[in-house]
N, C-alpha and C. Protein backbone atom coordinates (compact mmCIF):
# COMPACT_ATOMS: atom_id res chain seq x y z
N MET A 1 -72.18 -14.63 -33.94
CA MET A 1 -72.85 -13.57 -34.69
C MET A 1 -72.71 -13.74 -36.20
N GLY A 2 -72.35 -14.91 -36.67
CA GLY A 2 -72.26 -15.13 -38.10
C GLY A 2 -70.92 -14.71 -38.67
N VAL A 3 -70.91 -14.34 -39.97
CA VAL A 3 -69.67 -14.00 -40.66
C VAL A 3 -69.33 -12.52 -40.53
N LEU A 4 -70.23 -11.71 -40.03
CA LEU A 4 -69.99 -10.28 -39.98
C LEU A 4 -68.74 -9.89 -39.20
N PRO A 5 -68.43 -10.52 -38.05
CA PRO A 5 -67.23 -10.11 -37.32
C PRO A 5 -65.95 -10.25 -38.13
N LEU A 6 -65.94 -11.11 -39.14
CA LEU A 6 -64.74 -11.28 -39.96
C LEU A 6 -64.44 -10.03 -40.77
N PHE A 7 -65.45 -9.20 -40.97
CA PHE A 7 -65.28 -8.00 -41.80
C PHE A 7 -65.22 -6.73 -40.97
N LEU A 8 -65.15 -6.89 -39.65
CA LEU A 8 -65.19 -5.71 -38.79
C LEU A 8 -63.84 -5.03 -38.68
N LYS A 9 -63.87 -3.73 -38.54
CA LYS A 9 -62.70 -2.95 -38.18
C LYS A 9 -63.17 -1.90 -37.18
N ARG A 10 -62.29 -1.14 -36.64
CA ARG A 10 -62.68 -0.16 -35.62
C ARG A 10 -62.36 1.26 -36.08
N GLU A 11 -63.35 2.12 -35.87
CA GLU A 11 -63.17 3.53 -36.19
C GLU A 11 -62.57 4.22 -34.98
N GLY A 12 -61.42 4.84 -35.13
CA GLY A 12 -60.78 5.53 -34.04
C GLY A 12 -60.37 4.61 -32.91
N GLY A 13 -60.26 3.31 -33.23
CA GLY A 13 -59.85 2.32 -32.25
C GLY A 13 -60.94 1.89 -31.30
N ASN A 14 -62.16 2.44 -31.42
CA ASN A 14 -63.21 2.10 -30.47
C ASN A 14 -64.46 1.53 -31.13
N THR A 15 -65.05 2.28 -32.04
CA THR A 15 -66.34 1.89 -32.60
C THR A 15 -66.17 0.86 -33.72
N PRO A 16 -66.73 -0.34 -33.56
CA PRO A 16 -66.62 -1.33 -34.63
C PRO A 16 -67.49 -0.95 -35.82
N THR A 17 -67.00 -1.18 -37.02
CA THR A 17 -67.76 -0.93 -38.23
C THR A 17 -67.30 -1.90 -39.30
N LEU A 18 -67.99 -1.92 -40.42
CA LEU A 18 -67.62 -2.79 -41.53
C LEU A 18 -66.73 -2.04 -42.51
N ASP A 19 -65.74 -2.75 -43.08
CA ASP A 19 -64.94 -2.07 -44.09
C ASP A 19 -65.74 -1.93 -45.38
N VAL A 20 -65.24 -1.16 -46.30
CA VAL A 20 -66.00 -0.80 -47.50
C VAL A 20 -66.34 -2.01 -48.34
N SER A 21 -65.39 -2.94 -48.50
CA SER A 21 -65.66 -4.12 -49.33
C SER A 21 -66.76 -4.98 -48.73
N ALA A 22 -66.78 -5.10 -47.40
CA ALA A 22 -67.83 -5.87 -46.74
C ALA A 22 -69.18 -5.19 -46.90
N MET A 23 -69.17 -3.84 -46.78
CA MET A 23 -70.40 -3.09 -46.95
C MET A 23 -71.00 -3.33 -48.34
N ARG A 24 -70.15 -3.28 -49.34
CA ARG A 24 -70.61 -3.49 -50.71
C ARG A 24 -71.16 -4.89 -50.91
N LEU A 25 -70.48 -5.86 -50.32
CA LEU A 25 -70.91 -7.25 -50.45
C LEU A 25 -72.30 -7.45 -49.84
N PHE A 26 -72.48 -7.02 -48.61
CA PHE A 26 -73.75 -7.23 -47.92
C PHE A 26 -74.88 -6.39 -48.52
N ILE A 27 -74.56 -5.16 -48.91
CA ILE A 27 -75.59 -4.32 -49.51
C ILE A 27 -76.03 -4.87 -50.86
N SER A 28 -75.09 -5.38 -51.64
CA SER A 28 -75.44 -5.99 -52.93
C SER A 28 -76.35 -7.20 -52.73
N PHE A 29 -76.03 -8.02 -51.74
CA PHE A 29 -76.86 -9.19 -51.45
C PHE A 29 -78.26 -8.77 -51.02
N ILE A 30 -78.34 -7.79 -50.12
CA ILE A 30 -79.64 -7.34 -49.63
C ILE A 30 -80.47 -6.74 -50.76
N ARG A 31 -79.83 -5.95 -51.60
CA ARG A 31 -80.56 -5.35 -52.72
C ARG A 31 -81.07 -6.41 -53.69
N PHE A 32 -80.24 -7.42 -53.94
CA PHE A 32 -80.64 -8.50 -54.84
C PHE A 32 -81.85 -9.25 -54.30
N VAL A 33 -81.80 -9.63 -53.02
CA VAL A 33 -82.90 -10.38 -52.42
C VAL A 33 -84.17 -9.53 -52.33
N ASP A 34 -84.02 -8.27 -51.94
CA ASP A 34 -85.18 -7.38 -51.87
C ASP A 34 -85.83 -7.23 -53.23
N SER A 35 -85.02 -7.03 -54.26
CA SER A 35 -85.55 -6.88 -55.62
C SER A 35 -86.22 -8.16 -56.10
N LEU A 36 -85.58 -9.29 -55.81
CA LEU A 36 -86.15 -10.58 -56.22
C LEU A 36 -87.51 -10.81 -55.59
N ASN A 37 -87.61 -10.59 -54.29
CA ASN A 37 -88.89 -10.83 -53.61
C ASN A 37 -89.93 -9.78 -53.97
N ASP A 38 -89.50 -8.56 -54.30
CA ASP A 38 -90.44 -7.56 -54.79
C ASP A 38 -91.07 -8.01 -56.11
N ARG A 39 -90.23 -8.47 -57.01
CA ARG A 39 -90.71 -8.88 -58.33
C ARG A 39 -91.60 -10.12 -58.24
N VAL A 40 -91.13 -11.13 -57.52
CA VAL A 40 -91.92 -12.37 -57.39
C VAL A 40 -93.22 -12.09 -56.64
N GLY A 41 -93.13 -11.30 -55.57
CA GLY A 41 -94.32 -10.98 -54.80
C GLY A 41 -95.37 -10.25 -55.61
N LYS A 42 -94.94 -9.32 -56.45
CA LYS A 42 -95.89 -8.56 -57.26
C LYS A 42 -96.55 -9.45 -58.31
N VAL A 43 -95.78 -10.37 -58.88
CA VAL A 43 -96.36 -11.30 -59.86
C VAL A 43 -97.44 -12.16 -59.21
N PHE A 44 -97.11 -12.75 -58.06
CA PHE A 44 -98.06 -13.63 -57.40
C PHE A 44 -99.21 -12.87 -56.75
N SER A 45 -99.05 -11.57 -56.53
CA SER A 45 -100.15 -10.80 -55.95
C SER A 45 -101.34 -10.72 -56.90
N PHE A 46 -101.06 -10.81 -58.21
CA PHE A 46 -102.15 -10.75 -59.19
C PHE A 46 -102.99 -12.03 -59.19
N PHE A 47 -102.50 -13.08 -58.55
CA PHE A 47 -103.26 -14.32 -58.49
C PHE A 47 -104.58 -14.12 -57.76
N ILE A 48 -104.61 -13.16 -56.84
CA ILE A 48 -105.84 -12.93 -56.08
C ILE A 48 -106.95 -12.42 -57.00
N TYR A 49 -106.57 -11.65 -58.03
CA TYR A 49 -107.57 -11.17 -58.98
C TYR A 49 -108.07 -12.30 -59.86
N ALA A 50 -107.17 -13.20 -60.24
CA ALA A 50 -107.59 -14.37 -61.02
C ALA A 50 -108.56 -15.21 -60.20
N MET A 51 -108.28 -15.39 -58.92
CA MET A 51 -109.16 -16.15 -58.05
C MET A 51 -110.54 -15.49 -57.95
N MET A 52 -110.55 -14.17 -57.81
CA MET A 52 -111.82 -13.46 -57.70
C MET A 52 -112.65 -13.60 -58.97
N LEU A 53 -111.99 -13.47 -60.13
CA LEU A 53 -112.72 -13.59 -61.39
C LEU A 53 -113.30 -14.99 -61.57
N ILE A 54 -112.53 -15.99 -61.18
CA ILE A 54 -113.00 -17.37 -61.30
C ILE A 54 -114.22 -17.61 -60.40
N LEU A 55 -114.17 -17.09 -59.17
CA LEU A 55 -115.28 -17.27 -58.25
C LEU A 55 -116.53 -16.52 -58.71
N VAL A 56 -116.33 -15.32 -59.24
CA VAL A 56 -117.47 -14.57 -59.78
C VAL A 56 -118.09 -15.32 -60.96
N TYR A 57 -117.23 -15.85 -61.82
CA TYR A 57 -117.72 -16.64 -62.96
C TYR A 57 -118.53 -17.84 -62.48
N GLU A 58 -118.03 -18.52 -61.46
CA GLU A 58 -118.72 -19.70 -60.94
C GLU A 58 -120.08 -19.33 -60.35
N VAL A 59 -120.14 -18.22 -59.62
CA VAL A 59 -121.41 -17.78 -59.03
C VAL A 59 -122.42 -17.47 -60.12
N VAL A 60 -121.99 -16.77 -61.15
CA VAL A 60 -122.90 -16.42 -62.25
C VAL A 60 -123.39 -17.67 -62.97
N MET A 61 -122.45 -18.57 -63.26
CA MET A 61 -122.83 -19.80 -63.96
C MET A 61 -123.77 -20.67 -63.11
N ARG A 62 -123.52 -20.71 -61.81
CA ARG A 62 -124.32 -21.57 -60.93
C ARG A 62 -125.72 -21.00 -60.68
N TYR A 63 -125.80 -19.71 -60.36
CA TYR A 63 -127.07 -19.15 -59.90
C TYR A 63 -127.85 -18.40 -60.98
N VAL A 64 -127.20 -18.02 -62.06
CA VAL A 64 -127.91 -17.35 -63.14
C VAL A 64 -128.24 -18.32 -64.27
N PHE A 65 -127.26 -19.15 -64.66
CA PHE A 65 -127.47 -20.07 -65.77
C PHE A 65 -127.69 -21.52 -65.33
N ASN A 66 -127.65 -21.75 -64.02
CA ASN A 66 -127.85 -23.09 -63.48
C ASN A 66 -126.93 -24.11 -64.15
N SER A 67 -125.66 -23.69 -64.34
CA SER A 67 -124.68 -24.55 -65.01
C SER A 67 -123.34 -24.45 -64.30
N PRO A 68 -123.24 -25.01 -63.09
CA PRO A 68 -121.98 -24.90 -62.33
C PRO A 68 -120.84 -25.63 -63.01
N THR A 69 -119.64 -25.17 -62.74
CA THR A 69 -118.45 -25.80 -63.32
C THR A 69 -117.89 -26.83 -62.34
N ILE A 70 -116.99 -27.69 -62.84
CA ILE A 70 -116.32 -28.66 -61.97
C ILE A 70 -114.89 -28.22 -61.66
N TRP A 71 -114.49 -27.08 -62.20
CA TRP A 71 -113.10 -26.67 -62.06
C TRP A 71 -112.88 -25.38 -61.28
N ALA A 72 -113.91 -24.56 -61.14
CA ALA A 72 -113.73 -23.21 -60.58
C ALA A 72 -113.24 -23.24 -59.13
N HIS A 73 -113.90 -24.03 -58.29
CA HIS A 73 -113.54 -24.04 -56.87
C HIS A 73 -112.10 -24.51 -56.67
N GLU A 74 -111.72 -25.58 -57.34
CA GLU A 74 -110.38 -26.12 -57.17
C GLU A 74 -109.32 -25.17 -57.73
N THR A 75 -109.61 -24.57 -58.87
CA THR A 75 -108.67 -23.63 -59.47
C THR A 75 -108.46 -22.41 -58.57
N SER A 76 -109.53 -21.91 -57.99
CA SER A 76 -109.41 -20.76 -57.09
C SER A 76 -108.58 -21.11 -55.86
N GLU A 77 -108.69 -22.35 -55.39
CA GLU A 77 -107.87 -22.79 -54.27
C GLU A 77 -106.38 -22.80 -54.65
N PHE A 78 -106.09 -23.24 -55.86
CA PHE A 78 -104.70 -23.28 -56.32
C PHE A 78 -104.12 -21.87 -56.38
N PHE A 79 -104.88 -20.95 -56.96
CA PHE A 79 -104.41 -19.58 -57.08
C PHE A 79 -104.19 -18.94 -55.71
N TYR A 80 -105.15 -19.18 -54.81
CA TYR A 80 -105.02 -18.58 -53.48
C TYR A 80 -103.85 -19.20 -52.71
N GLY A 81 -103.68 -20.51 -52.83
CA GLY A 81 -102.58 -21.16 -52.13
C GLY A 81 -101.23 -20.64 -52.57
N ALA A 82 -101.04 -20.51 -53.89
CA ALA A 82 -99.78 -19.98 -54.41
C ALA A 82 -99.58 -18.52 -54.00
N HIS A 83 -100.65 -17.74 -54.07
CA HIS A 83 -100.60 -16.34 -53.68
C HIS A 83 -100.20 -16.19 -52.21
N PHE A 84 -100.78 -17.03 -51.37
CA PHE A 84 -100.56 -16.92 -49.93
C PHE A 84 -99.16 -17.34 -49.52
N ILE A 85 -98.71 -18.50 -50.02
CA ILE A 85 -97.44 -19.04 -49.52
C ILE A 85 -96.24 -18.31 -50.12
N VAL A 86 -96.29 -17.97 -51.41
CA VAL A 86 -95.16 -17.27 -52.02
C VAL A 86 -95.10 -15.82 -51.54
N GLY A 87 -96.25 -15.28 -51.16
CA GLY A 87 -96.28 -13.91 -50.67
C GLY A 87 -95.65 -13.74 -49.30
N GLY A 88 -95.31 -14.84 -48.63
CA GLY A 88 -94.71 -14.75 -47.31
C GLY A 88 -93.39 -14.01 -47.31
N ALA A 89 -92.55 -14.27 -48.32
CA ALA A 89 -91.26 -13.60 -48.40
C ALA A 89 -91.43 -12.11 -48.68
N PHE A 90 -92.40 -11.77 -49.51
CA PHE A 90 -92.70 -10.37 -49.81
C PHE A 90 -93.16 -9.65 -48.54
N ALA A 91 -94.00 -10.33 -47.75
CA ALA A 91 -94.48 -9.75 -46.50
C ALA A 91 -93.33 -9.56 -45.51
N LEU A 92 -92.42 -10.53 -45.44
CA LEU A 92 -91.27 -10.40 -44.55
C LEU A 92 -90.37 -9.25 -44.99
N ARG A 93 -90.21 -9.08 -46.29
CA ARG A 93 -89.36 -8.00 -46.82
C ARG A 93 -89.87 -6.63 -46.36
N TRP A 94 -91.21 -6.47 -46.28
CA TRP A 94 -91.79 -5.19 -45.92
C TRP A 94 -92.28 -5.14 -44.48
N GLY A 95 -91.95 -6.16 -43.68
CA GLY A 95 -92.34 -6.15 -42.27
C GLY A 95 -93.82 -6.25 -42.05
N ALA A 96 -94.52 -7.01 -42.91
CA ALA A 96 -95.97 -7.09 -42.83
C ALA A 96 -96.48 -8.25 -41.98
N HIS A 97 -95.58 -9.10 -41.51
CA HIS A 97 -96.01 -10.19 -40.63
C HIS A 97 -96.38 -9.63 -39.26
N VAL A 98 -97.27 -10.34 -38.58
CA VAL A 98 -97.71 -9.91 -37.25
C VAL A 98 -96.58 -10.11 -36.25
N ASN A 99 -96.27 -9.07 -35.48
CA ASN A 99 -95.25 -9.14 -34.44
C ASN A 99 -95.87 -8.85 -33.07
N ILE A 100 -95.45 -9.61 -32.08
CA ILE A 100 -95.86 -9.33 -30.72
C ILE A 100 -94.72 -8.55 -30.06
N ASP A 101 -94.86 -7.23 -30.05
CA ASP A 101 -93.75 -6.38 -29.60
C ASP A 101 -94.13 -5.50 -28.42
N VAL A 102 -94.99 -6.02 -27.54
CA VAL A 102 -95.43 -5.23 -26.39
C VAL A 102 -94.25 -4.82 -25.53
N ILE A 103 -93.31 -5.74 -25.33
CA ILE A 103 -92.11 -5.45 -24.55
C ILE A 103 -90.94 -5.11 -25.46
N HIS A 104 -90.85 -5.82 -26.58
CA HIS A 104 -89.72 -5.70 -27.51
C HIS A 104 -89.47 -4.27 -27.96
N ARG A 105 -90.54 -3.52 -28.21
CA ARG A 105 -90.38 -2.17 -28.77
C ARG A 105 -89.76 -1.18 -27.78
N TYR A 106 -89.77 -1.52 -26.49
CA TYR A 106 -89.19 -0.62 -25.49
C TYR A 106 -87.70 -0.88 -25.27
N PHE A 107 -87.16 -1.93 -25.88
CA PHE A 107 -85.74 -2.22 -25.74
C PHE A 107 -84.92 -1.24 -26.55
N PRO A 108 -83.67 -0.97 -26.13
CA PRO A 108 -82.76 -0.18 -26.97
C PRO A 108 -82.52 -0.90 -28.30
N LEU A 109 -82.04 -0.16 -29.29
CA LEU A 109 -81.84 -0.71 -30.63
C LEU A 109 -80.97 -1.96 -30.62
N ARG A 110 -79.84 -1.91 -29.93
CA ARG A 110 -78.92 -3.05 -29.90
C ARG A 110 -79.56 -4.25 -29.21
N THR A 111 -80.28 -4.03 -28.12
CA THR A 111 -80.94 -5.13 -27.41
C THR A 111 -82.00 -5.79 -28.28
N ARG A 112 -82.76 -4.98 -29.01
CA ARG A 112 -83.76 -5.54 -29.92
C ARG A 112 -83.11 -6.43 -30.97
N ALA A 113 -81.98 -5.98 -31.49
CA ALA A 113 -81.28 -6.76 -32.50
C ALA A 113 -80.79 -8.09 -31.94
N ILE A 114 -80.27 -8.08 -30.73
CA ILE A 114 -79.78 -9.31 -30.10
C ILE A 114 -80.94 -10.28 -29.85
N VAL A 115 -82.05 -9.77 -29.34
CA VAL A 115 -83.23 -10.61 -29.12
C VAL A 115 -83.72 -11.20 -30.43
N ASP A 116 -83.76 -10.38 -31.47
CA ASP A 116 -84.21 -10.85 -32.78
C ASP A 116 -83.30 -11.95 -33.32
N LEU A 117 -82.00 -11.84 -33.09
CA LEU A 117 -81.08 -12.87 -33.56
C LEU A 117 -81.40 -14.23 -32.95
N PHE A 118 -81.77 -14.26 -31.68
CA PHE A 118 -82.12 -15.52 -31.04
C PHE A 118 -83.45 -16.06 -31.58
N THR A 119 -84.40 -15.17 -31.82
CA THR A 119 -85.69 -15.64 -32.34
C THR A 119 -85.57 -16.09 -33.79
N TRP A 120 -84.61 -15.51 -34.52
CA TRP A 120 -84.38 -15.95 -35.90
C TRP A 120 -83.94 -17.41 -35.96
N LEU A 121 -83.27 -17.88 -34.92
CA LEU A 121 -82.84 -19.28 -34.89
C LEU A 121 -84.03 -20.22 -35.00
N VAL A 122 -85.11 -19.91 -34.28
CA VAL A 122 -86.32 -20.72 -34.36
C VAL A 122 -86.90 -20.66 -35.76
N PHE A 123 -86.89 -19.48 -36.33
CA PHE A 123 -87.41 -19.29 -37.69
C PHE A 123 -86.62 -20.12 -38.69
N TYR A 124 -85.30 -20.10 -38.59
CA TYR A 124 -84.46 -20.85 -39.52
C TYR A 124 -84.69 -22.35 -39.39
N ILE A 125 -84.87 -22.82 -38.20
CA ILE A 125 -85.14 -24.25 -38.00
C ILE A 125 -86.46 -24.64 -38.68
N PHE A 126 -87.48 -23.83 -38.45
CA PHE A 126 -88.79 -24.11 -39.06
C PHE A 126 -88.72 -24.09 -40.58
N CYS A 127 -88.14 -23.03 -41.14
CA CYS A 127 -88.09 -22.90 -42.60
C CYS A 127 -87.14 -23.94 -43.22
N GLY A 128 -86.08 -24.29 -42.49
CA GLY A 128 -85.18 -25.32 -42.99
C GLY A 128 -85.87 -26.66 -43.10
N VAL A 129 -86.63 -27.01 -42.08
CA VAL A 129 -87.40 -28.27 -42.11
C VAL A 129 -88.45 -28.22 -43.20
N LEU A 130 -89.12 -27.08 -43.33
CA LEU A 130 -90.13 -26.91 -44.37
C LEU A 130 -89.52 -27.10 -45.76
N LEU A 131 -88.37 -26.46 -46.00
CA LEU A 131 -87.71 -26.57 -47.30
C LEU A 131 -87.29 -28.01 -47.58
N TRP A 132 -86.72 -28.66 -46.57
CA TRP A 132 -86.25 -30.03 -46.74
C TRP A 132 -87.39 -30.96 -47.15
N HIS A 133 -88.50 -30.90 -46.43
CA HIS A 133 -89.64 -31.78 -46.73
C HIS A 133 -90.36 -31.35 -48.01
N ALA A 134 -90.43 -30.04 -48.25
CA ALA A 134 -91.13 -29.55 -49.44
C ALA A 134 -90.42 -29.97 -50.72
N VAL A 135 -89.08 -29.93 -50.71
CA VAL A 135 -88.32 -30.35 -51.89
C VAL A 135 -88.59 -31.82 -52.19
N GLY A 136 -88.55 -32.65 -51.16
CA GLY A 136 -88.82 -34.07 -51.36
C GLY A 136 -90.23 -34.33 -51.87
N MET A 137 -91.20 -33.67 -51.27
CA MET A 137 -92.60 -33.85 -51.67
C MET A 137 -92.83 -33.37 -53.11
N ALA A 138 -92.29 -32.19 -53.44
CA ALA A 138 -92.47 -31.65 -54.78
C ALA A 138 -91.76 -32.51 -55.83
N THR A 139 -90.57 -33.01 -55.49
CA THR A 139 -89.82 -33.86 -56.42
C THR A 139 -90.59 -35.13 -56.75
N GLU A 140 -91.13 -35.78 -55.72
CA GLU A 140 -91.90 -37.00 -55.95
C GLU A 140 -93.16 -36.71 -56.76
N SER A 141 -93.77 -35.58 -56.49
CA SER A 141 -94.99 -35.21 -57.22
C SER A 141 -94.71 -34.99 -58.70
N VAL A 142 -93.57 -34.33 -59.00
CA VAL A 142 -93.19 -34.10 -60.40
C VAL A 142 -92.85 -35.42 -61.09
N LYS A 143 -92.17 -36.31 -60.39
CA LYS A 143 -91.77 -37.60 -60.97
C LYS A 143 -92.96 -38.40 -61.46
N VAL A 144 -94.03 -38.41 -60.67
CA VAL A 144 -95.21 -39.21 -61.02
C VAL A 144 -96.27 -38.38 -61.73
N MET A 145 -95.97 -37.08 -61.95
CA MET A 145 -96.97 -36.19 -62.56
C MET A 145 -98.28 -36.27 -61.81
N GLU A 146 -98.22 -35.98 -60.52
CA GLU A 146 -99.35 -36.16 -59.62
C GLU A 146 -100.55 -35.29 -60.00
N TYR A 147 -101.72 -35.91 -59.92
CA TYR A 147 -102.98 -35.22 -60.16
C TYR A 147 -103.83 -35.30 -58.90
N THR A 148 -104.82 -34.43 -58.81
CA THR A 148 -105.76 -34.50 -57.69
C THR A 148 -106.75 -35.64 -57.94
N ASP A 149 -107.45 -36.03 -56.89
CA ASP A 149 -108.43 -37.12 -57.03
C ASP A 149 -109.85 -36.59 -57.15
N SER A 150 -110.00 -35.35 -57.59
CA SER A 150 -111.33 -34.77 -57.76
C SER A 150 -111.93 -35.21 -59.10
N VAL A 151 -113.17 -34.80 -59.33
CA VAL A 151 -113.84 -35.12 -60.60
C VAL A 151 -113.10 -34.48 -61.77
N TRP A 152 -112.63 -33.27 -61.57
CA TRP A 152 -111.90 -32.57 -62.64
C TRP A 152 -110.50 -33.16 -62.80
N GLY A 153 -109.82 -33.39 -61.68
CA GLY A 153 -108.50 -34.02 -61.69
C GLY A 153 -107.39 -33.23 -62.35
N PRO A 154 -107.13 -31.99 -61.94
CA PRO A 154 -106.04 -31.21 -62.53
C PRO A 154 -104.69 -31.66 -61.97
N PRO A 155 -103.59 -31.32 -62.64
CA PRO A 155 -102.26 -31.65 -62.09
C PRO A 155 -102.01 -30.91 -60.78
N LEU A 156 -101.44 -31.62 -59.83
CA LEU A 156 -101.18 -31.05 -58.51
C LEU A 156 -99.75 -30.58 -58.35
N TRP A 157 -98.83 -31.16 -59.14
CA TRP A 157 -97.41 -30.87 -58.94
C TRP A 157 -97.03 -29.39 -59.13
N PRO A 158 -97.67 -28.63 -60.05
CA PRO A 158 -97.28 -27.21 -60.14
C PRO A 158 -97.53 -26.44 -58.85
N VAL A 159 -98.61 -26.80 -58.16
CA VAL A 159 -98.92 -26.12 -56.90
C VAL A 159 -97.91 -26.50 -55.83
N LEU A 160 -97.54 -27.78 -55.78
CA LEU A 160 -96.58 -28.23 -54.77
C LEU A 160 -95.20 -27.61 -54.98
N LEU A 161 -94.88 -27.25 -56.21
CA LEU A 161 -93.58 -26.62 -56.48
C LEU A 161 -93.47 -25.24 -55.83
N THR A 162 -94.60 -24.61 -55.57
CA THR A 162 -94.56 -23.28 -54.96
C THR A 162 -94.11 -23.34 -53.49
N ILE A 163 -94.23 -24.51 -52.86
CA ILE A 163 -93.86 -24.61 -51.44
C ILE A 163 -92.35 -24.49 -51.24
N PRO A 164 -91.52 -25.31 -51.94
CA PRO A 164 -90.07 -25.10 -51.79
C PRO A 164 -89.61 -23.74 -52.32
N LEU A 165 -90.28 -23.23 -53.35
CA LEU A 165 -89.95 -21.90 -53.85
C LEU A 165 -90.17 -20.86 -52.76
N ALA A 166 -91.31 -20.94 -52.09
CA ALA A 166 -91.62 -19.98 -51.03
C ALA A 166 -90.65 -20.11 -49.87
N ALA A 167 -90.31 -21.34 -49.50
CA ALA A 167 -89.38 -21.55 -48.39
C ALA A 167 -88.01 -20.98 -48.70
N ALA A 168 -87.55 -21.18 -49.94
CA ALA A 168 -86.23 -20.66 -50.34
C ALA A 168 -86.23 -19.14 -50.35
N LEU A 169 -87.28 -18.53 -50.86
CA LEU A 169 -87.35 -17.07 -50.91
C LEU A 169 -87.41 -16.45 -49.51
N ILE A 170 -88.16 -17.07 -48.63
CA ILE A 170 -88.28 -16.50 -47.29
C ILE A 170 -87.00 -16.70 -46.49
N LEU A 171 -86.27 -17.78 -46.77
CA LEU A 171 -84.97 -17.98 -46.13
C LEU A 171 -83.97 -16.92 -46.59
N LEU A 172 -83.98 -16.61 -47.88
CA LEU A 172 -83.11 -15.56 -48.40
C LEU A 172 -83.44 -14.21 -47.76
N GLN A 173 -84.74 -13.93 -47.65
CA GLN A 173 -85.13 -12.66 -47.05
C GLN A 173 -84.77 -12.61 -45.58
N ALA A 174 -84.87 -13.75 -44.91
CA ALA A 174 -84.49 -13.81 -43.50
C ALA A 174 -82.99 -13.54 -43.33
N LEU A 175 -82.19 -13.99 -44.28
CA LEU A 175 -80.76 -13.74 -44.21
C LEU A 175 -80.45 -12.24 -44.24
N THR A 176 -81.22 -11.50 -45.03
CA THR A 176 -81.00 -10.04 -45.07
C THR A 176 -81.33 -9.42 -43.71
N LYS A 177 -82.37 -9.93 -43.06
CA LYS A 177 -82.73 -9.42 -41.74
C LYS A 177 -81.65 -9.78 -40.71
N THR A 178 -81.11 -10.99 -40.83
CA THR A 178 -80.08 -11.43 -39.90
C THR A 178 -78.81 -10.60 -40.06
N ILE A 179 -78.45 -10.28 -41.29
CA ILE A 179 -77.29 -9.42 -41.54
C ILE A 179 -77.47 -8.07 -40.85
N LYS A 180 -78.65 -7.50 -41.02
CA LYS A 180 -78.92 -6.19 -40.42
C LYS A 180 -78.90 -6.26 -38.90
N ASP A 181 -79.53 -7.30 -38.35
CA ASP A 181 -79.56 -7.43 -36.89
C ASP A 181 -78.17 -7.69 -36.31
N THR A 182 -77.37 -8.50 -37.01
CA THR A 182 -76.02 -8.78 -36.53
C THR A 182 -75.18 -7.51 -36.54
N TYR A 183 -75.29 -6.73 -37.59
CA TYR A 183 -74.57 -5.47 -37.69
C TYR A 183 -74.96 -4.54 -36.53
N THR A 184 -76.27 -4.46 -36.28
CA THR A 184 -76.75 -3.59 -35.21
C THR A 184 -76.31 -4.10 -33.84
N ALA A 185 -76.34 -5.42 -33.65
CA ALA A 185 -75.94 -5.99 -32.37
C ALA A 185 -74.47 -5.72 -32.07
N ILE A 186 -73.64 -5.68 -33.11
CA ILE A 186 -72.21 -5.48 -32.92
C ILE A 186 -71.85 -4.00 -32.82
N THR A 187 -72.44 -3.20 -33.70
CA THR A 187 -72.03 -1.79 -33.79
C THR A 187 -72.93 -0.84 -33.00
N GLY A 188 -74.18 -1.28 -32.73
CA GLY A 188 -75.12 -0.38 -32.06
C GLY A 188 -75.80 0.57 -33.01
N ARG A 189 -75.53 0.43 -34.31
CA ARG A 189 -76.14 1.31 -35.32
C ARG A 189 -77.04 0.49 -36.23
N GLU A 190 -78.04 1.15 -36.79
CA GLU A 190 -78.95 0.47 -37.70
C GLU A 190 -78.33 0.32 -39.08
N PHE A 191 -78.49 -0.85 -39.66
CA PHE A 191 -77.99 -1.12 -41.00
C PHE A 191 -79.04 -0.68 -42.00
N THR A 192 -78.75 0.37 -42.77
CA THR A 192 -79.70 0.87 -43.77
C THR A 192 -79.04 0.93 -45.12
N VAL A 193 -79.84 0.74 -46.14
CA VAL A 193 -79.35 0.80 -47.52
C VAL A 193 -79.97 2.02 -48.18
N LYS A 194 -79.13 2.97 -48.57
CA LYS A 194 -79.59 4.19 -49.23
C LYS A 194 -79.29 4.10 -50.70
N VAL A 195 -80.34 4.12 -51.50
CA VAL A 195 -80.18 3.96 -52.94
C VAL A 195 -79.33 5.07 -53.54
N SER A 196 -79.46 6.28 -53.03
CA SER A 196 -78.79 7.42 -53.64
C SER A 196 -77.28 7.41 -53.48
N GLN A 197 -76.78 6.74 -52.42
CA GLN A 197 -75.37 6.80 -52.15
C GLN A 197 -74.61 5.51 -52.50
N GLY A 198 -75.31 4.57 -53.13
CA GLY A 198 -74.64 3.36 -53.62
C GLY A 198 -74.22 2.43 -52.50
N ALA A 199 -73.18 1.67 -52.80
CA ALA A 199 -72.82 0.55 -51.95
C ALA A 199 -72.18 0.95 -50.64
N GLN A 200 -71.82 2.20 -50.46
CA GLN A 200 -71.13 2.57 -49.24
C GLN A 200 -72.09 3.16 -48.20
N SER A 201 -73.38 3.06 -48.46
CA SER A 201 -74.34 3.67 -47.56
C SER A 201 -74.79 2.70 -46.49
N CYS A 202 -74.50 3.02 -45.25
CA CYS A 202 -74.97 2.23 -44.12
C CYS A 202 -74.93 3.09 -42.87
């Protein structure tokens, strides 16, 4: 169940719970990751507006002035790609990914947490492999200052850098989910962070 059992104690000799120092540690980590992905996600969310403006500009130039650009389509792809992949961690933070929970939702809270812990293993393997390969690919791209082979030929390496960034952010966000699920699997209670009551709220 990870490192959480190392911080467990028992209330009244029966109910396992986390001591105050452990609560503060995990809540601080969760708050940091949530805040980080909120900020990064909101910044990259504006990329969709840049993409829309570029496409509208291209349509006007092509069909009104008969003067299409060589950069609009490729630039819009870059903006959308960065928006989509970096937004994954933001979506995970707010539970916006598609879940197949036809059976899962009928399980008791603790059972759901245990099932989720096993499915997280598959997620970690996938994201770990993605991060490993993305770092290598992005590093090589930066070393050679890679460009696309299109007529316009813009630099490609800035876009490739968003892949390891996205993988790292989503792994951090997944860790917060794993902490909560592990806590619930052990204690039978939901791990919640209440802003009003500070680090001791769970």
